[in-house]
Amino acid sequence: MAQIVIDMVEKVFRGKEREVVALRDINLEIAKGEFVCLLGPSGCGKSTLLNAVAGFSLPSSGTISVDGQPIAQPGPDRGMVFQEYALFPWMTVAQNIAFGLEVQKRPKNEIAARIDRLLDTLKLKDFRDRFPKDLSGGMRQRVAIARVLAIDSPILLMDEPFGALDALTRRNLQDELLRIWAGVGKTILFVTHSIEESIYLSDRIVVMTYRPGTIKRDQHVTLPRPRDPASSEFNELKRELGMLVMEEQQRHAEEEMKPAAVD
């Protein structure tokens, strides 16, 4: 049974002079424990769809439900990890991780135990009393992930969380995320513009079209884990998906070159 059901979702942004159809006829089901990537060029509606699942911005039409319940607002069943880290700069690493648990008024001994476990899991024990300004980008993102894991949401929503990191740090955090996912069995919906990242991480890759965003392909990834980006099978899939994304980038470029309509 699907944990997340997206049914005929459309999202329209209406301005004073014109409206923009960001998403159209999105139908998608995601099973519990599945790792799904949303892939496509800028402007295809990946983040818009993720925000709709998070409850930050509701669809203009259609429905999104989690465990059979329609989404009307953000909730503790869906944890969000942003590209920008979104840490409180006046709090230490441990305090940032504890924040959500304190809002939930969890017992102090439970909070302490969970912080210790997550600091160990994400290799942050030596940084528990540091402030975000004293951390590297990779370390800040580890803290952001730990803060979401602390509240134990069954669903993780991740919006290009590794996009601003260098290649080595990015791969290390990808491996950490896969290790955590395999251990705790959470459902992950992950936005990326990197074809290689989507193949390396996910069970399924949902390729989206340029605006209005629709589903161009729902690709199951059957490569065994751990995946080798140098393998011929990996690169054949990368080439195939690359052609799909390039088609949409080309369509975007052609749309940009069209002369504006004259009244």
Protein backbone atom coordinates (compact mmCIF):
# COMPACT_ATOMS: atom_id res chain seq x y z
CA MET A 1 0.00 0.00 0.00
CA ALA A 2 1.33 3.44 -0.94
CA GLN A 3 2.38 5.72 1.90
CA ILE A 4 2.33 8.90 -0.21
CA VAL A 5 -0.35 9.31 -2.89
CA ILE A 6 -0.26 12.28 -5.27
CA ASP A 7 -3.47 12.37 -7.31
CA MET A 8 -4.02 14.68 -10.30
CA VAL A 9 -2.10 17.52 -8.69
CA GLU A 10 -1.88 20.89 -10.41
CA LYS A 11 -0.21 24.01 -9.05
CA VAL A 12 -0.81 27.44 -10.56
CA PHE A 13 0.89 30.63 -9.38
CA ARG A 14 -1.31 33.61 -10.19
CA GLY A 15 0.14 37.11 -10.51
CA LYS A 16 -1.41 40.44 -11.43
CA GLU A 17 -0.47 40.16 -15.09
CA ARG A 18 -0.23 36.44 -15.77
CA GLU A 19 -0.38 32.98 -14.28
CA VAL A 20 2.25 30.27 -14.32
CA VAL A 21 1.28 26.61 -14.37
CA ALA A 22 4.08 24.99 -12.35
CA LEU A 23 2.62 21.46 -12.12
CA ARG A 24 -0.01 19.67 -14.19
CA ASP A 25 -1.61 16.22 -13.82
CA ILE A 26 0.94 14.79 -11.37
CA ASN A 27 0.07 11.24 -10.36
CA LEU A 28 2.55 9.40 -8.18
CA GLU A 29 2.48 6.73 -5.49
CA ILE A 30 5.40 6.12 -3.13
CA ALA A 31 5.58 3.03 -0.95
CA LYS A 32 6.73 3.00 2.67
CA GLY A 33 10.50 2.72 2.88
CA GLU A 34 11.05 3.67 -0.76
CA PHE A 35 13.76 6.11 -1.87
CA VAL A 36 12.45 8.25 -4.75
CA CYS A 37 14.31 11.06 -6.55
CA LEU A 38 12.65 13.90 -8.45
CA LEU A 39 14.95 14.78 -11.35
CA GLY A 40 14.77 17.50 -13.97
CA PRO A 41 16.04 20.89 -15.11
CA SER A 42 15.45 24.13 -13.22
CA GLY A 43 11.86 25.26 -13.65
CA CYS A 44 10.34 21.78 -13.87
CA GLY A 45 8.53 22.03 -10.53
CA LYS A 46 10.60 19.58 -8.44
CA SER A 47 10.77 21.82 -5.38
CA THR A 48 7.18 22.98 -5.89
CA LEU A 49 6.01 19.37 -5.70
CA LEU A 50 8.20 18.67 -2.66
CA ASN A 51 6.81 21.74 -0.87
CA ALA A 52 3.28 20.54 -1.64
CA VAL A 53 4.04 17.16 -0.05
CA ALA A 54 5.54 19.00 2.92
CA GLY A 55 2.35 21.05 3.26
CA PHE A 56 4.10 24.40 2.80
CA SER A 57 2.20 25.21 -0.41
CA LEU A 58 -1.00 23.33 -1.16
CA PRO A 59 -1.98 22.27 -4.71
CA SER A 60 -4.34 24.42 -6.75
CA SER A 61 -6.24 21.23 -7.56
CA GLY A 62 -5.86 17.52 -6.89
CA THR A 63 -4.90 15.88 -3.60
CA ILE A 64 -1.84 14.65 -1.73
CA SER A 65 -2.28 12.19 1.11
CA VAL A 66 -0.01 10.40 3.57
CA ASP A 67 -1.19 7.11 5.02
CA GLY A 68 -4.65 7.86 3.66
CA GLN A 69 -4.91 11.31 5.28
CA PRO A 70 -5.06 14.41 3.02
CA ILE A 71 -2.24 16.91 3.61
CA ALA A 72 -3.51 20.30 4.75
CA GLN A 73 -0.41 21.70 6.47
CA PRO A 74 3.11 20.74 7.60
CA GLY A 75 3.22 17.94 10.15
CA PRO A 76 5.62 15.89 12.27
CA ASP A 77 5.17 12.89 9.96
CA ARG A 78 7.21 14.73 7.30
CA GLY A 79 10.69 16.04 8.08
CA MET A 80 12.29 18.54 5.68
CA VAL A 81 16.00 19.00 4.91
CA PHE A 82 16.87 22.12 2.90
CA GLN A 83 19.93 22.95 0.82
CA GLU A 84 20.57 26.05 2.98
CA TYR A 85 21.02 24.03 6.22
CA ALA A 86 18.45 26.22 8.12
CA LEU A 87 20.28 25.93 11.45
CA PHE A 88 19.86 28.33 14.36
CA PRO A 89 23.20 30.20 14.49
CA TRP A 90 22.90 31.00 18.23
CA MET A 91 22.52 27.31 19.14
CA THR A 92 25.22 24.68 19.42
CA VAL A 93 25.13 21.47 17.40
CA ALA A 94 23.48 19.58 20.26
CA GLN A 95 20.96 22.36 20.87
CA ASN A 96 20.01 22.47 17.19
CA ILE A 97 19.39 18.73 17.17
CA ALA A 98 17.37 18.93 20.39
CA PHE A 99 15.14 21.81 19.24
CA GLY A 100 12.31 19.78 17.70
CA LEU A 101 12.25 17.37 20.63
CA GLU A 102 12.00 20.26 23.09
CA VAL A 103 9.10 21.74 21.12
CA GLN A 104 7.41 18.34 21.42
CA LYS A 105 8.11 18.47 25.19
CA ARG A 106 9.85 15.12 25.23
CA PRO A 107 11.42 13.99 28.53
CA LYS A 108 14.92 15.33 29.12
CA ASN A 109 16.49 11.89 29.43
CA GLU A 110 14.93 10.85 26.10
CA ILE A 111 16.26 14.02 24.43
CA ALA A 112 19.76 13.45 25.81
CA ALA A 113 19.82 9.81 24.71
CA ARG A 114 18.60 10.63 21.22
CA ILE A 115 21.13 13.46 20.80
CA ASP A 116 23.98 11.15 21.84
CA ARG A 117 22.84 8.46 19.39
CA LEU A 118 22.55 10.89 16.46
CA LEU A 119 25.88 12.58 17.22
CA ASP A 120 27.45 9.15 17.05
CA THR A 121 25.53 8.07 13.93
CA LEU A 122 26.47 11.19 11.97
CA LYS A 123 30.03 11.42 13.33
CA LEU A 124 29.38 14.69 15.16
CA LYS A 125 30.41 13.75 18.71
CA ASP A 126 33.49 15.98 18.65
CA PHE A 127 31.39 18.96 17.51
CA ARG A 128 28.44 18.83 19.91
CA ASP A 129 29.29 22.19 21.56
CA ARG A 130 30.31 24.01 18.37
CA PHE A 131 28.19 26.70 16.71
CA PRO A 132 27.19 26.50 13.01
CA LYS A 133 29.63 29.27 12.06
CA ASP A 134 32.50 27.03 13.20
CA LEU A 135 31.47 24.11 10.97
CA SER A 136 32.14 23.24 7.34
CA GLY A 137 29.26 23.01 4.88
CA GLY A 138 29.28 19.24 5.09
CA MET A 139 29.16 19.30 8.89
CA ARG A 140 26.28 21.78 8.87
CA GLN A 141 24.32 19.50 6.59
CA ARG A 142 25.01 16.56 8.91
CA VAL A 143 23.50 18.62 11.74
CA ALA A 144 20.47 19.52 9.61
CA ILE A 145 19.90 15.83 8.84
CA ALA A 146 20.37 14.89 12.50
CA ARG A 147 17.81 17.49 13.57
CA VAL A 148 15.20 15.98 11.24
CA LEU A 149 16.06 12.42 12.27
CA ALA A 150 15.70 13.44 15.93
CA ILE A 151 11.94 13.96 15.62
CA ASP A 152 11.72 10.53 13.97
CA SER A 153 9.46 11.49 11.08
CA PRO A 154 8.61 8.43 8.97
CA ILE A 155 9.07 10.51 5.80
CA LEU A 156 12.13 12.59 4.88
CA LEU A 157 11.75 15.32 2.26
CA MET A 158 15.10 16.56 0.95
CA ASP A 159 15.49 19.55 -1.37
CA GLU A 160 18.91 19.30 -3.07
CA PRO A 161 20.56 18.89 0.35
CA PHE A 162 24.03 18.22 -1.08
CA GLY A 163 23.90 20.63 -4.04
CA ALA A 164 26.25 23.24 -2.55
CA LEU A 165 28.92 20.78 -1.38
CA ASP A 166 32.18 19.76 -3.01
CA ALA A 167 32.26 16.40 -4.80
CA LEU A 168 34.07 14.44 -2.07
CA THR A 169 31.90 15.76 0.78
CA ARG A 170 28.82 15.14 -1.33
CA ARG A 171 29.71 11.50 -1.91
CA ASN A 172 30.49 10.97 1.77
CA LEU A 173 27.11 12.37 2.79
CA GLN A 174 25.34 10.34 0.11
CA ASP A 175 26.87 7.21 1.61
CA GLU A 176 25.90 8.32 5.12
CA LEU A 177 22.32 8.93 3.98
CA LEU A 178 22.10 5.50 2.35
CA ARG A 179 23.49 3.86 5.50
CA ILE A 180 20.91 5.63 7.68
CA TRP A 181 18.07 4.89 5.24
CA ALA A 182 18.97 1.19 5.14
CA GLY A 183 19.07 1.10 8.93
CA VAL A 184 15.86 2.94 9.84
CA GLY A 185 13.66 2.25 6.81
CA LYS A 186 12.30 5.76 6.32
CA THR A 187 10.58 6.89 3.13
CA ILE A 188 12.66 9.49 1.27
CA LEU A 189 11.56 11.92 -1.44
CA PHE A 190 14.71 13.63 -2.69
CA VAL A 191 15.00 16.53 -5.17
CA THR A 192 18.14 16.73 -7.32
CA HIS A 193 19.29 18.07 -10.68
CA SER A 194 22.20 15.59 -10.72
CA ILE A 195 21.56 12.50 -12.84
CA GLU A 196 24.45 10.61 -11.24
CA GLU A 197 23.21 11.40 -7.73
CA SER A 198 19.71 10.18 -8.55
CA ILE A 199 21.02 6.84 -9.88
CA TYR A 200 23.46 6.40 -6.99
CA LEU A 201 20.79 6.94 -4.33
CA SER A 202 17.32 5.94 -5.39
CA ASP A 203 14.95 3.04 -5.98
CA ARG A 204 13.02 5.14 -8.50
CA ILE A 205 13.76 8.27 -10.50
CA VAL A 206 10.84 10.48 -11.50
CA VAL A 207 11.96 12.61 -14.47
CA MET A 208 9.93 15.80 -14.80
CA THR A 209 9.28 17.99 -17.83
CA TYR A 210 10.01 21.68 -18.07
CA ARG A 211 7.09 23.93 -17.10
CA PRO A 212 4.39 22.93 -16.72
CA GLY A 213 5.94 20.13 -14.70
CA THR A 214 4.59 16.71 -15.59
CA ILE A 215 6.04 13.23 -15.18
CA LYS A 216 8.10 12.37 -18.25
CA ARG A 217 9.31 8.99 -16.95
CA ASP A 218 9.04 6.95 -13.76
CA GLN A 219 12.25 4.92 -13.88
CA HIS A 220 12.87 1.99 -11.52
CA VAL A 221 16.56 1.56 -10.69
CA THR A 222 17.41 -2.11 -10.38
CA LEU A 223 21.20 -1.83 -10.09
CA PRO A 224 22.52 -3.72 -7.04
CA ARG A 225 23.85 -1.74 -4.08
CA PRO A 226 26.44 -0.47 -3.43
CA ARG A 227 26.40 1.10 -6.89
CA ASP A 228 29.49 1.74 -8.94
CA PRO A 229 29.29 4.98 -10.98
CA ALA A 230 32.06 3.63 -13.22
CA SER A 231 30.12 0.52 -14.27
CA SER A 232 28.74 0.17 -17.78
CA GLU A 233 25.19 -0.43 -16.46
CA PHE A 234 25.33 2.74 -14.36
CA ASN A 235 26.59 4.82 -17.27
CA GLU A 236 24.07 3.38 -19.73
CA LEU A 237 21.24 4.49 -17.46
CA LYS A 238 22.97 7.83 -16.93
CA ARG A 239 23.15 8.34 -20.72
CA GLU A 240 19.48 7.42 -21.16
CA LEU A 241 18.26 9.73 -18.42
CA GLY A 242 20.61 12.44 -19.63
CA MET A 243 18.91 12.44 -23.02
CA LEU A 244 15.51 12.89 -21.35
CA VAL A 245 16.72 15.81 -19.24
CA MET A 246 18.52 17.43 -22.19
CA GLU A 247 15.29 17.34 -24.20
CA GLU A 248 13.63 19.40 -21.50
CA GLN A 249 16.56 21.79 -21.21
CA GLN A 250 16.41 22.30 -24.95
CA ARG A 251 12.68 22.96 -24.79
CA HIS A 252 13.34 25.47 -22.01
CA ALA A 253 15.95 27.24 -24.16
CA GLU A 254 13.56 27.38 -27.13
CA GLU A 255 10.80 28.83 -24.94
CA GLU A 256 13.18 31.51 -23.66
CA MET A 257 14.08 32.52 -27.22
CA LYS A 258 10.47 33.02 -28.34
CA PRO A 259 9.53 36.70 -28.78
CA ALA A 260 7.18 38.06 -26.17
CA ALA A 261 3.55 38.38 -27.21
CA VAL A 262 2.52 41.89 -28.31
CA ASP A 263 -0.95 43.17 -27.48
